[in-house]
Amino acid sequence: MTNDPYKILGIDRSASDEEVKKAYRELARKYHPDNYVNTPLADLAEEKMKEINEAYETIRRWRKAQANGNAEASSGAYRDTSDGNVYGEERLREIRSYIETNNFYEAEIRLNSIPTAQRSAEWYFLKGVVFRARGWYFEAAKYFEAASRMDPTNEEYRIAAESIRNYTASRSTRAKNEDAVCNLCCGLMAADCCCECCGGDLISCC
């Protein structure tokens, strides 16, 4: 398997930034794990998606380093620097900045490109924020809880976990109440129909 990120994305090194992004998005649509749920290709799709994400991030890092005049970091030799603690913190700060500007699409791309072994409490928290923004509250709750467990002293994580926990609980209760009301109404309507068949009228307005 090649380690050249340009070959992974199927583009030339002279490709423009827009061409790089276009190639990445086309491959992401093709290999996204959601397309292969409950199929024999699910695991392969997940690995391929991880490879694509890392290739895109690597090219992006090289070009950013080149723009900043860092010739060594942008030399083009493939190196996986995603597991460096300092660099990892910088990536997470950058992801926060995307979230703060409501660019959740780019934030998730960068979150997904971080290897599983390097996913810290901050990663789980930010992933929860992305899910919450999409309205996936129960999924968000899982990630907030994980972040809070990994770093129980972090007040931001704790508050997020408690807030989403209370919200999902209230939604569940409301849904149950609505189901109960619906069932009651259906029961009354059925009883009214029976009464009408027998010459009575349980609900006069119907």
N, C-alpha and C. Protein backbone atom coordinates (compact mmCIF):
# COMPACT_ATOMS: atom_id res chain seq x y z
N MET A 1 0.85 -1.20 0.00
CA MET A 1 0.00 0.00 0.00
C MET A 1 0.88 1.25 0.00
N THR A 2 0.61 2.19 -0.87
CA THR A 2 1.41 3.40 -0.96
C THR A 2 1.17 4.31 0.24
N ASN A 3 2.27 5.02 0.61
CA ASN A 3 2.15 6.00 1.68
C ASN A 3 2.12 7.41 1.14
N ASP A 4 2.15 7.54 -0.18
CA ASP A 4 2.12 8.86 -0.80
C ASP A 4 0.68 9.38 -0.79
N PRO A 5 0.40 10.44 -0.04
CA PRO A 5 -0.98 10.93 0.06
C PRO A 5 -1.56 11.40 -1.27
N TYR A 6 -0.69 11.88 -2.17
CA TYR A 6 -1.20 12.31 -3.48
C TYR A 6 -1.68 11.12 -4.28
N LYS A 7 -0.96 10.00 -4.21
CA LYS A 7 -1.38 8.79 -4.92
C LYS A 7 -2.66 8.23 -4.31
N ILE A 8 -2.78 8.33 -2.99
CA ILE A 8 -3.99 7.83 -2.32
C ILE A 8 -5.22 8.59 -2.82
N LEU A 9 -5.08 9.90 -3.02
CA LEU A 9 -6.20 10.71 -3.51
C LEU A 9 -6.31 10.69 -5.03
N GLY A 10 -5.30 10.09 -5.69
CA GLY A 10 -5.36 9.97 -7.14
C GLY A 10 -5.13 11.28 -7.87
N ILE A 11 -4.26 12.13 -7.33
CA ILE A 11 -4.00 13.43 -7.94
C ILE A 11 -2.50 13.67 -8.07
N ASP A 12 -2.14 14.65 -8.88
CA ASP A 12 -0.74 15.01 -9.08
C ASP A 12 -0.32 16.01 -8.00
N ARG A 13 0.98 16.07 -7.74
CA ARG A 13 1.48 17.00 -6.73
C ARG A 13 1.25 18.46 -7.13
N SER A 14 1.06 18.70 -8.40
CA SER A 14 0.84 20.08 -8.86
C SER A 14 -0.63 20.48 -8.77
N ALA A 15 -1.48 19.59 -8.27
CA ALA A 15 -2.91 19.88 -8.17
C ALA A 15 -3.15 21.10 -7.29
N SER A 16 -4.14 21.89 -7.65
CA SER A 16 -4.48 23.07 -6.85
C SER A 16 -5.17 22.63 -5.56
N ASP A 17 -5.26 23.55 -4.61
CA ASP A 17 -5.94 23.25 -3.34
C ASP A 17 -7.38 22.83 -3.58
N GLU A 18 -8.03 23.48 -4.54
CA GLU A 18 -9.41 23.14 -4.85
C GLU A 18 -9.52 21.75 -5.44
N GLU A 19 -8.54 21.36 -6.28
CA GLU A 19 -8.53 20.03 -6.87
C GLU A 19 -8.29 18.96 -5.81
N VAL A 20 -7.44 19.29 -4.84
CA VAL A 20 -7.18 18.37 -3.73
C VAL A 20 -8.47 18.14 -2.95
N LYS A 21 -9.15 19.22 -2.63
CA LYS A 21 -10.39 19.12 -1.87
C LYS A 21 -11.46 18.37 -2.65
N LYS A 22 -11.54 18.61 -3.95
CA LYS A 22 -12.54 17.92 -4.78
C LYS A 22 -12.27 16.43 -4.82
N ALA A 23 -11.00 16.05 -4.98
CA ALA A 23 -10.64 14.63 -5.02
C ALA A 23 -10.98 13.96 -3.69
N TYR A 24 -10.69 14.66 -2.61
CA TYR A 24 -10.98 14.10 -1.29
C TYR A 24 -12.48 13.87 -1.12
N ARG A 25 -13.27 14.86 -1.48
CA ARG A 25 -14.72 14.76 -1.27
C ARG A 25 -15.34 13.65 -2.12
N GLU A 26 -14.84 13.48 -3.34
CA GLU A 26 -15.37 12.42 -4.20
C GLU A 26 -15.07 11.04 -3.61
N LEU A 27 -13.84 10.86 -3.11
CA LEU A 27 -13.49 9.59 -2.49
C LEU A 27 -14.24 9.38 -1.18
N ALA A 28 -14.44 10.47 -0.43
CA ALA A 28 -15.16 10.36 0.84
C ALA A 28 -16.60 9.93 0.61
N ARG A 29 -17.23 10.47 -0.43
CA ARG A 29 -18.60 10.06 -0.75
C ARG A 29 -18.65 8.59 -1.16
N LYS A 30 -17.64 8.16 -1.88
CA LYS A 30 -17.61 6.78 -2.38
C LYS A 30 -17.36 5.77 -1.27
N TYR A 31 -16.45 6.09 -0.35
CA TYR A 31 -16.03 5.11 0.64
C TYR A 31 -16.55 5.37 2.05
N HIS A 32 -17.45 6.32 2.21
CA HIS A 32 -17.93 6.62 3.56
C HIS A 32 -18.57 5.37 4.16
N PRO A 33 -18.18 5.02 5.41
CA PRO A 33 -18.70 3.80 6.05
C PRO A 33 -20.22 3.70 6.10
N ASP A 34 -20.91 4.83 6.11
CA ASP A 34 -22.37 4.80 6.16
C ASP A 34 -22.96 4.10 4.92
N ASN A 35 -22.19 4.08 3.82
CA ASN A 35 -22.66 3.43 2.60
C ASN A 35 -22.55 1.91 2.66
N TYR A 36 -21.85 1.41 3.68
CA TYR A 36 -21.57 -0.02 3.73
C TYR A 36 -22.01 -0.67 5.04
N VAL A 37 -22.91 -0.03 5.73
CA VAL A 37 -23.40 -0.57 7.00
C VAL A 37 -24.05 -1.93 6.77
N ASN A 38 -23.72 -2.88 7.65
CA ASN A 38 -24.29 -4.25 7.59
C ASN A 38 -23.95 -4.97 6.29
N THR A 39 -22.78 -4.67 5.72
CA THR A 39 -22.31 -5.38 4.53
C THR A 39 -20.93 -5.95 4.82
N PRO A 40 -20.49 -6.94 4.04
CA PRO A 40 -19.15 -7.52 4.25
C PRO A 40 -18.02 -6.53 4.03
N LEU A 41 -18.32 -5.40 3.38
CA LEU A 41 -17.29 -4.41 3.06
C LEU A 41 -17.18 -3.31 4.11
N ALA A 42 -17.92 -3.42 5.19
CA ALA A 42 -17.96 -2.35 6.19
C ALA A 42 -16.58 -2.04 6.77
N ASP A 43 -15.85 -3.09 7.17
CA ASP A 43 -14.52 -2.88 7.77
C ASP A 43 -13.53 -2.31 6.76
N LEU A 44 -13.60 -2.81 5.52
CA LEU A 44 -12.69 -2.31 4.49
C LEU A 44 -12.97 -0.84 4.18
N ALA A 45 -14.24 -0.48 4.15
CA ALA A 45 -14.62 0.91 3.88
C ALA A 45 -14.12 1.83 4.99
N GLU A 46 -14.20 1.36 6.23
CA GLU A 46 -13.74 2.17 7.36
C GLU A 46 -12.23 2.41 7.27
N GLU A 47 -11.47 1.36 6.91
CA GLU A 47 -10.02 1.49 6.77
C GLU A 47 -9.67 2.42 5.61
N LYS A 48 -10.40 2.28 4.51
CA LYS A 48 -10.15 3.13 3.34
C LYS A 48 -10.46 4.58 3.66
N MET A 49 -11.55 4.80 4.39
CA MET A 49 -11.92 6.17 4.74
C MET A 49 -10.86 6.79 5.65
N LYS A 50 -10.33 5.99 6.55
CA LYS A 50 -9.27 6.48 7.43
C LYS A 50 -8.03 6.87 6.63
N GLU A 51 -7.68 6.04 5.65
CA GLU A 51 -6.52 6.31 4.79
C GLU A 51 -6.73 7.60 4.00
N ILE A 52 -7.94 7.77 3.48
CA ILE A 52 -8.25 8.98 2.70
C ILE A 52 -8.18 10.22 3.57
N ASN A 53 -8.75 10.14 4.77
CA ASN A 53 -8.72 11.28 5.69
C ASN A 53 -7.29 11.68 6.04
N GLU A 54 -6.46 10.68 6.34
CA GLU A 54 -5.08 10.97 6.72
C GLU A 54 -4.29 11.55 5.55
N ALA A 55 -4.54 11.06 4.34
CA ALA A 55 -3.86 11.58 3.16
C ALA A 55 -4.22 13.05 2.94
N TYR A 56 -5.51 13.36 3.06
CA TYR A 56 -5.96 14.73 2.88
C TYR A 56 -5.35 15.67 3.92
N GLU A 57 -5.32 15.21 5.17
CA GLU A 57 -4.75 16.01 6.24
C GLU A 57 -3.25 16.21 6.04
N THR A 58 -2.56 15.19 5.56
CA THR A 58 -1.12 15.29 5.34
C THR A 58 -0.80 16.33 4.27
N ILE A 59 -1.52 16.26 3.15
CA ILE A 59 -1.31 17.24 2.09
C ILE A 59 -1.60 18.64 2.60
N ARG A 60 -2.65 18.76 3.36
CA ARG A 60 -3.02 20.06 3.91
C ARG A 60 -1.93 20.60 4.84
N ARG A 61 -1.34 19.71 5.66
CA ARG A 61 -0.27 20.13 6.57
C ARG A 61 0.97 20.56 5.79
N TRP A 62 1.31 19.79 4.77
CA TRP A 62 2.48 20.13 3.96
C TRP A 62 2.33 21.51 3.34
N ARG A 63 1.16 21.74 2.77
CA ARG A 63 0.94 23.01 2.07
C ARG A 63 0.88 24.20 3.02
N LYS A 64 0.34 23.94 4.19
CA LYS A 64 0.31 25.01 5.20
C LYS A 64 1.73 25.34 5.66
N ALA A 65 2.54 24.29 5.86
CA ALA A 65 3.93 24.48 6.27
C ALA A 65 4.71 25.21 5.18
N GLN A 66 4.45 24.85 3.93
CA GLN A 66 5.13 25.49 2.82
C GLN A 66 4.77 26.97 2.75
N ALA A 67 3.51 27.27 2.97
CA ALA A 67 3.06 28.67 2.94
C ALA A 67 3.71 29.48 4.06
N ASN A 68 4.04 28.78 5.16
CA ASN A 68 4.69 29.45 6.30
C ASN A 68 6.20 29.45 6.19
N GLY A 69 6.72 28.90 5.06
CA GLY A 69 8.15 28.91 4.84
C GLY A 69 8.91 27.81 5.55
N ASN A 70 8.20 26.76 6.00
CA ASN A 70 8.84 25.64 6.69
C ASN A 70 9.19 24.58 5.66
N ALA A 71 10.38 24.68 5.08
CA ALA A 71 10.78 23.79 3.99
C ALA A 71 10.91 22.35 4.46
N GLU A 72 11.40 22.15 5.68
CA GLU A 72 11.61 20.79 6.19
C GLU A 72 10.29 20.05 6.33
N ALA A 73 9.27 20.73 6.89
CA ALA A 73 7.99 20.08 7.12
C ALA A 73 7.23 19.84 5.84
N SER A 74 7.57 20.60 4.77
CA SER A 74 6.83 20.47 3.51
C SER A 74 7.66 19.82 2.42
N SER A 75 8.69 19.08 2.80
CA SER A 75 9.63 18.52 1.83
C SER A 75 9.00 17.47 0.94
N GLY A 76 7.87 16.88 1.36
CA GLY A 76 7.17 15.92 0.53
C GLY A 76 7.44 14.49 0.90
N ALA A 77 8.32 14.23 1.82
CA ALA A 77 8.53 12.87 2.28
C ALA A 77 7.42 12.52 3.25
N TYR A 78 6.74 11.41 2.99
CA TYR A 78 5.58 11.07 3.82
C TYR A 78 6.00 10.68 5.22
N ARG A 79 5.48 11.40 6.20
CA ARG A 79 5.73 11.08 7.60
C ARG A 79 4.44 11.29 8.36
N ASP A 80 4.12 10.36 9.22
CA ASP A 80 2.90 10.49 10.03
C ASP A 80 3.24 11.20 11.32
N THR A 81 2.88 12.47 11.40
CA THR A 81 3.18 13.25 12.60
C THR A 81 1.94 13.47 13.44
N SER A 82 0.87 12.76 13.11
CA SER A 82 -0.40 13.01 13.79
C SER A 82 -0.40 12.56 15.24
N ASP A 83 0.61 11.74 15.63
CA ASP A 83 0.60 11.26 17.00
C ASP A 83 1.44 12.11 17.94
N GLY A 84 1.98 13.22 17.43
CA GLY A 84 2.73 14.09 18.33
C GLY A 84 1.80 14.85 19.24
N ASN A 85 2.10 14.90 20.53
CA ASN A 85 1.19 15.54 21.47
C ASN A 85 1.00 17.02 21.18
N VAL A 86 2.11 17.71 20.91
CA VAL A 86 2.01 19.15 20.65
C VAL A 86 1.22 19.40 19.38
N TYR A 87 1.57 18.64 18.32
CA TYR A 87 0.87 18.82 17.06
C TYR A 87 -0.60 18.46 17.20
N GLY A 88 -0.86 17.39 17.98
CA GLY A 88 -2.25 16.99 18.19
C GLY A 88 -3.05 18.08 18.87
N GLU A 89 -2.45 18.75 19.83
CA GLU A 89 -3.13 19.86 20.51
C GLU A 89 -3.41 20.99 19.54
N GLU A 90 -2.47 21.25 18.65
CA GLU A 90 -2.67 22.31 17.66
C GLU A 90 -3.84 21.96 16.73
N ARG A 91 -3.91 20.69 16.35
CA ARG A 91 -5.00 20.26 15.47
C ARG A 91 -6.35 20.42 16.16
N LEU A 92 -6.41 20.06 17.42
CA LEU A 92 -7.67 20.17 18.15
C LEU A 92 -8.07 21.64 18.35
N ARG A 93 -7.10 22.50 18.54
CA ARG A 93 -7.41 23.94 18.65
C ARG A 93 -7.97 24.45 17.33
N GLU A 94 -7.38 23.95 16.25
CA GLU A 94 -7.87 24.37 14.92
C GLU A 94 -9.29 23.87 14.70
N ILE A 95 -9.56 22.65 15.13
CA ILE A 95 -10.90 22.09 14.99
C ILE A 95 -11.91 22.92 15.79
N ARG A 96 -11.51 23.34 16.97
CA ARG A 96 -12.38 24.22 17.77
C ARG A 96 -12.71 25.50 17.00
N SER A 97 -11.72 26.02 16.31
CA SER A 97 -11.95 27.27 15.57
C SER A 97 -12.97 27.05 14.45
N TYR A 98 -12.94 25.87 13.82
CA TYR A 98 -13.94 25.57 12.80
C TYR A 98 -15.33 25.49 13.43
N ILE A 99 -15.42 24.86 14.57
CA ILE A 99 -16.71 24.72 15.27
C ILE A 99 -17.24 26.09 15.67
N GLU A 100 -16.36 26.95 16.13
CA GLU A 100 -16.78 28.28 16.57
C GLU A 100 -17.34 29.11 15.43
N THR A 101 -16.93 28.79 14.19
CA THR A 101 -17.47 29.50 13.03
C THR A 101 -18.56 28.68 12.33
N ASN A 102 -19.06 27.65 13.05
CA ASN A 102 -20.15 26.79 12.54
C ASN A 102 -19.78 26.01 11.28
N ASN A 103 -18.49 25.79 11.08
CA ASN A 103 -18.05 24.98 9.94
C ASN A 103 -17.89 23.54 10.42
N PHE A 104 -19.02 22.90 10.68
CA PHE A 104 -19.01 21.57 11.28
C PHE A 104 -18.54 20.50 10.28
N TYR A 105 -18.73 20.75 9.00
CA TYR A 105 -18.30 19.78 7.99
C TYR A 105 -16.78 19.61 8.04
N GLU A 106 -16.05 20.73 7.99
CA GLU A 106 -14.59 20.66 8.03
C GLU A 106 -14.11 20.15 9.39
N ALA A 107 -14.81 20.53 10.44
CA ALA A 107 -14.43 20.08 11.78
C ALA A 107 -14.49 18.56 11.85
N GLU A 108 -15.55 17.97 11.30
CA GLU A 108 -15.68 16.51 11.37
C GLU A 108 -14.64 15.81 10.51
N ILE A 109 -14.31 16.39 9.37
CA ILE A 109 -13.27 15.81 8.53
C ILE A 109 -11.97 15.68 9.31
N ARG A 110 -11.63 16.74 10.02
CA ARG A 110 -10.37 16.75 10.76
C ARG A 110 -10.44 15.86 12.01
N LEU A 111 -11.59 15.78 12.62
CA LEU A 111 -11.75 14.89 13.76
C LEU A 111 -11.59 13.43 13.32
N ASN A 112 -12.19 13.08 12.21
CA ASN A 112 -12.14 11.70 11.72
C ASN A 112 -10.75 11.29 11.27
N SER A 113 -9.91 12.26 10.93
CA SER A 113 -8.57 11.95 10.44
C SER A 113 -7.59 11.64 11.58
N ILE A 114 -7.98 11.91 12.81
CA ILE A 114 -7.11 11.63 13.95
C ILE A 114 -7.20 10.15 14.30
N PRO A 115 -6.08 9.44 14.35
CA PRO A 115 -6.09 8.00 14.64
C PRO A 115 -6.78 7.69 15.97
N THR A 116 -7.41 6.54 16.03
CA THR A 116 -8.16 6.15 17.23
C THR A 116 -7.30 6.19 18.48
N ALA A 117 -6.05 5.76 18.37
CA ALA A 117 -5.17 5.71 19.54
C ALA A 117 -4.83 7.09 20.07
N GLN A 118 -5.05 8.14 19.27
CA GLN A 118 -4.70 9.50 19.69
C GLN A 118 -5.92 10.35 20.03
N ARG A 119 -7.06 9.70 20.20
CA ARG A 119 -8.29 10.47 20.48
C ARG A 119 -8.43 10.71 21.97
N SER A 120 -8.21 11.93 22.34
CA SER A 120 -8.22 12.34 23.75
C SER A 120 -9.61 12.74 24.20
N ALA A 121 -9.71 13.17 25.46
CA ALA A 121 -10.98 13.65 25.99
C ALA A 121 -11.48 14.85 25.18
N GLU A 122 -10.56 15.70 24.76
CA GLU A 122 -10.93 16.86 23.95
C GLU A 122 -11.52 16.42 22.62
N TRP A 123 -10.96 15.37 22.03
CA TRP A 123 -11.49 14.85 20.76
C TRP A 123 -12.93 14.40 20.95
N TYR A 124 -13.20 13.64 22.01
CA TYR A 124 -14.56 13.14 22.25
C TYR A 124 -15.53 14.30 22.51
N PHE A 125 -15.05 15.30 23.21
CA PHE A 125 -15.91 16.46 23.48
C PHE A 125 -16.27 17.17 22.17
N LEU A 126 -15.27 17.43 21.33
CA LEU A 126 -15.52 18.14 20.08
C LEU A 126 -16.40 17.32 19.14
N LYS A 127 -16.22 16.00 19.14
CA LYS A 127 -17.08 15.14 18.33
C LYS A 127 -18.52 15.25 18.83
N GLY A 128 -18.70 15.32 20.14
CA GLY A 128 -20.03 15.49 20.71
C GLY A 128 -20.65 16.81 20.29
N VAL A 129 -19.83 17.86 20.23
CA VAL A 129 -20.34 19.17 19.82
C VAL A 129 -20.84 19.11 18.38
N VAL A 130 -20.11 18.42 17.52
CA VAL A 130 -20.52 18.29 16.11
C VAL A 130 -21.85 17.53 16.02
N PHE A 131 -21.96 16.44 16.76
CA PHE A 131 -23.21 15.67 16.74
C PHE A 131 -24.38 16.50 17.29
N ARG A 132 -24.12 17.25 18.35
CA ARG A 132 -25.18 18.09 18.93
C ARG A 132 -25.65 19.13 17.92
N ALA A 133 -24.71 19.71 17.18
CA ALA A 133 -25.07 20.72 16.18
C ALA A 133 -25.93 20.12 15.08
N ARG A 134 -25.76 18.83 14.80
CA ARG A 134 -26.55 18.16 13.77
C ARG A 134 -27.90 17.69 14.30
N GLY A 135 -28.09 17.82 15.59
CA GLY A 135 -29.35 17.36 16.18
C GLY A 135 -29.32 15.90 16.57
N TRP A 136 -28.14 15.28 16.56
CA TRP A 136 -28.01 13.88 16.96
C TRP A 136 -27.69 13.84 18.46
N TYR A 137 -28.69 14.13 19.28
CA TYR A 137 -28.46 14.37 20.71
C TYR A 137 -28.05 13.11 21.47
N PHE A 138 -28.61 11.98 21.14
CA PHE A 138 -28.25 10.77 21.87
C PHE A 138 -26.81 10.35 21.56
N GLU A 139 -26.38 10.54 20.31
CA GLU A 139 -24.99 10.26 19.96
C GLU A 139 -24.07 11.27 20.65
N ALA A 140 -24.48 12.52 20.66
CA ALA A 140 -23.68 13.56 21.32
C ALA A 140 -23.49 13.24 22.80
N ALA A 141 -24.54 12.74 23.42
CA ALA A 141 -24.48 12.40 24.85
C ALA A 141 -23.41 11.36 25.12
N LYS A 142 -23.28 10.37 24.25
CA LYS A 142 -22.27 9.32 24.43
C LYS A 142 -20.86 9.90 24.41
N TYR A 143 -20.63 10.83 23.49
CA TYR A 143 -19.29 11.41 23.38
C TYR A 143 -18.99 12.37 24.53
N PHE A 144 -19.98 13.13 24.96
CA PHE A 144 -19.78 14.02 26.11
C PHE A 144 -19.49 13.21 27.37
N GLU A 145 -20.21 12.10 27.54
CA GLU A 145 -20.00 11.24 28.70
C GLU A 145 -18.58 10.66 28.67
N ALA A 146 -18.15 10.24 27.49
CA ALA A 146 -16.80 9.68 27.35
C ALA A 146 -15.74 10.72 27.69
N ALA A 147 -15.93 11.94 27.20
CA ALA A 147 -14.98 13.02 27.49
C ALA A 147 -14.91 13.30 28.98
N SER A 148 -16.07 13.33 29.62
CA SER A 148 -16.14 13.61 31.05
C SER A 148 -15.48 12.50 31.87
N ARG A 149 -15.64 11.26 31.43
CA ARG A 149 -15.00 10.14 32.13
C ARG A 149 -13.48 10.18 31.98
N MET A 150 -13.03 10.56 30.80
CA MET A 150 -11.59 10.59 30.54
C MET A 150 -10.90 11.74 31.27
N ASP A 151 -11.63 12.84 31.47
CA ASP A 151 -11.06 13.99 32.17
C ASP A 151 -12.13 14.55 33.12
N PRO A 152 -12.34 13.90 34.26
CA PRO A 152 -13.41 14.29 35.18
C PRO A 152 -13.22 15.65 35.83
N THR A 153 -12.03 16.22 35.72
CA THR A 153 -11.79 17.54 36.33
C THR A 153 -12.15 18.69 35.40
N ASN A 154 -12.46 18.37 34.14
CA ASN A 154 -12.77 19.42 33.17
C ASN A 154 -14.24 19.84 33.32
N GLU A 155 -14.43 21.08 33.73
CA GLU A 155 -15.78 21.59 33.99
C GLU A 155 -16.61 21.70 32.71
N GLU A 156 -15.96 22.05 31.61
CA GLU A 156 -16.68 22.20 30.34
C GLU A 156 -17.28 20.87 29.90
N TYR A 157 -16.49 19.80 30.03
CA TYR A 157 -16.98 18.47 29.65
C TYR A 157 -18.13 18.04 30.56
N ARG A 158 -17.97 18.28 31.86
CA ARG A 158 -18.98 17.86 32.83
C ARG A 158 -20.31 18.56 32.57
N ILE A 159 -20.26 19.87 32.34
CA ILE A 159 -21.48 20.64 32.10
C ILE A 159 -22.17 20.17 30.81
N ALA A 160 -21.37 19.93 29.77
CA ALA A 160 -21.94 19.46 28.49
C ALA A 160 -22.62 18.11 28.67
N ALA A 161 -21.97 17.22 29.41
CA ALA A 161 -22.54 15.88 29.64
C ALA A 161 -23.84 15.97 30.43
N GLU A 162 -23.87 16.79 31.47
CA GLU A 162 -25.08 16.93 32.29
C GLU A 162 -26.21 17.58 31.49
N SER A 163 -25.86 18.60 30.72
CA SER A 163 -26.86 19.32 29.94
C SER A 163 -27.53 18.41 28.91
N ILE A 164 -26.70 17.67 28.16
CA ILE A 164 -27.27 16.81 27.12
C ILE A 164 -28.01 15.63 27.74
N ARG A 165 -27.55 15.18 28.92
CA ARG A 165 -28.22 14.08 29.61
C ARG A 165 -29.63 14.51 30.02
N ASN A 166 -29.75 15.71 30.57
CA ASN A 166 -31.06 16.23 30.99
C ASN A 166 -31.96 16.45 29.77
N TYR A 167 -31.36 16.93 28.68
CA TYR A 167 -32.15 17.21 27.49
C TYR A 167 -32.71 15.93 26.88
N THR A 168 -31.85 14.91 26.74
CA THR A 168 -32.31 13.64 26.15
C THR A 168 -33.33 12.96 27.05
N ALA A 169 -33.17 13.12 28.38
CA ALA A 169 -34.14 12.52 29.32
C ALA A 169 -35.50 13.18 29.16
N SER A 170 -35.49 14.53 29.04
CA SER A 170 -36.77 15.24 28.88
C SER A 170 -37.43 14.90 27.55
N ARG A 171 -36.63 14.70 26.51
CA ARG A 171 -37.19 14.32 25.21
C ARG A 171 -37.83 12.94 25.28
N SER A 172 -37.18 12.03 25.98
CA SER A 172 -37.72 10.68 26.12
C SER A 172 -39.05 10.71 26.87
N THR A 173 -39.09 11.51 27.94
CA THR A 173 -40.32 11.62 28.73
C THR A 173 -41.44 12.23 27.91
N ARG A 174 -41.10 13.29 27.15
CA ARG A 174 -42.11 13.94 26.32
C ARG A 174 -42.66 12.99 25.26
N ALA A 175 -41.76 12.20 24.68
CA ALA A 175 -42.18 11.25 23.65
C ALA A 175 -43.13 10.20 24.23
N LYS A 176 -42.82 9.72 25.45
CA LYS A 176 -43.69 8.74 26.10
C LYS A 176 -45.06 9.33 26.40
N ASN A 177 -45.07 10.59 26.87
CA ASN A 177 -46.35 11.26 27.17
C ASN A 177 -47.19 11.43 25.91
N GLU A 178 -46.51 11.79 24.81
CA GLU A 178 -47.24 11.98 23.55
C GLU A 178 -47.82 10.65 23.07
N ASP A 179 -47.05 9.57 23.26
CA ASP A 179 -47.56 8.25 22.87
C ASP A 179 -48.77 7.87 23.71
N ALA A 180 -48.73 8.20 25.01
CA ALA A 180 -49.83 7.86 25.90
C ALA A 180 -51.09 8.62 25.51
N VAL A 181 -50.94 9.91 25.18
CA VAL A 181 -52.08 10.72 24.75
C VAL A 181 -52.65 10.18 23.45
N CYS A 182 -51.74 9.81 22.54
CA CYS A 182 -52.19 9.28 21.25
C CYS A 182 -52.98 7.99 21.44
N ASN A 183 -52.48 7.13 22.31
CA ASN A 183 -53.17 5.86 22.56
C ASN A 183 -54.54 6.09 23.20
N LEU A 184 -54.61 7.10 24.11
CA LEU A 184 -55.89 7.42 24.75
C LEU A 184 -56.90 7.91 23.73
N CYS A 185 -56.43 8.80 22.83
CA CYS A 185 -57.32 9.33 21.81
C CYS A 185 -57.83 8.22 20.89
N CYS A 186 -56.93 7.33 20.51
CA CYS A 186 -57.33 6.22 19.63
C CYS A 186 -58.36 5.33 20.33
N GLY A 187 -58.16 5.13 21.64
CA GLY A 187 -59.09 4.31 22.40
C GLY A 187 -60.46 4.94 22.49
N LEU A 188 -60.50 6.25 22.71
CA LEU A 188 -61.78 6.97 22.80
C LEU A 188 -62.51 6.95 21.46
N MET A 189 -61.74 7.13 20.39
CA MET A 189 -62.37 7.13 19.06
C MET A 189 -62.96 5.75 18.75
N ALA A 190 -62.23 4.71 19.12
CA ALA A 190 -62.72 3.35 18.88
C ALA A 190 -63.99 3.10 19.68
N ALA A 191 -64.00 3.56 20.95
CA ALA A 191 -65.16 3.38 21.80
C ALA A 191 -66.35 4.16 21.25
N ASP A 192 -66.10 5.35 20.73
CA ASP A 192 -67.16 6.18 20.16
C ASP A 192 -67.79 5.49 18.95
N CYS A 193 -66.95 4.88 18.14
CA CYS A 193 -67.46 4.17 16.97
C CYS A 193 -68.38 3.02 17.39
N CYS A 194 -67.98 2.31 18.44
CA CYS A 194 -68.80 1.20 18.93
C CYS A 194 -70.15 1.71 19.43
N CYS A 195 -70.10 2.85 20.17
CA CYS A 195 -71.35 3.42 20.69
C CYS A 195 -72.28 3.84 19.57
N GLU A 196 -71.71 4.46 18.54
CA GLU A 196 -72.52 4.94 17.43
C GLU A 196 -73.19 3.76 16.69
N CYS A 197 -72.44 2.66 16.61
CA CYS A 197 -73.01 1.46 15.97
C CYS A 197 -74.21 0.92 16.74
N CYS A 198 -74.18 1.18 18.07
CA CYS A 198 -75.26 0.71 18.92
C CYS A 198 -76.33 1.76 19.17
N GLY A 199 -76.23 2.89 18.43
CA GLY A 199 -77.21 3.96 18.54
C GLY A 199 -76.85 5.02 19.58
N GLY A 200 -75.69 4.91 20.21
CA GLY A 200 -75.27 5.91 21.18
C GLY A 200 -74.28 6.86 20.59
N ASP A 201 -73.74 7.74 21.44
CA ASP A 201 -72.73 8.71 20.99
C ASP A 201 -71.86 9.09 22.16
N LEU A 202 -70.70 8.45 22.28
CA LEU A 202 -69.79 8.72 23.40
C LEU A 202 -69.18 10.10 23.31
N ILE A 203 -68.76 10.48 22.09
CA ILE A 203 -68.14 11.79 21.88
C ILE A 203 -69.03 12.57 20.94
N SER A 204 -69.74 13.54 21.46
CA SER A 204 -70.78 14.23 20.69
C SER A 204 -70.21 15.06 19.54
N CYS A 205 -68.98 15.49 19.67
CA CYS A 205 -68.42 16.36 18.63
C CYS A 205 -67.90 15.57 17.45
N CYS A 206 -67.87 14.25 17.52
CA CYS A 206 -67.32 13.41 16.43
C CYS A 206 -68.45 12.67 15.72
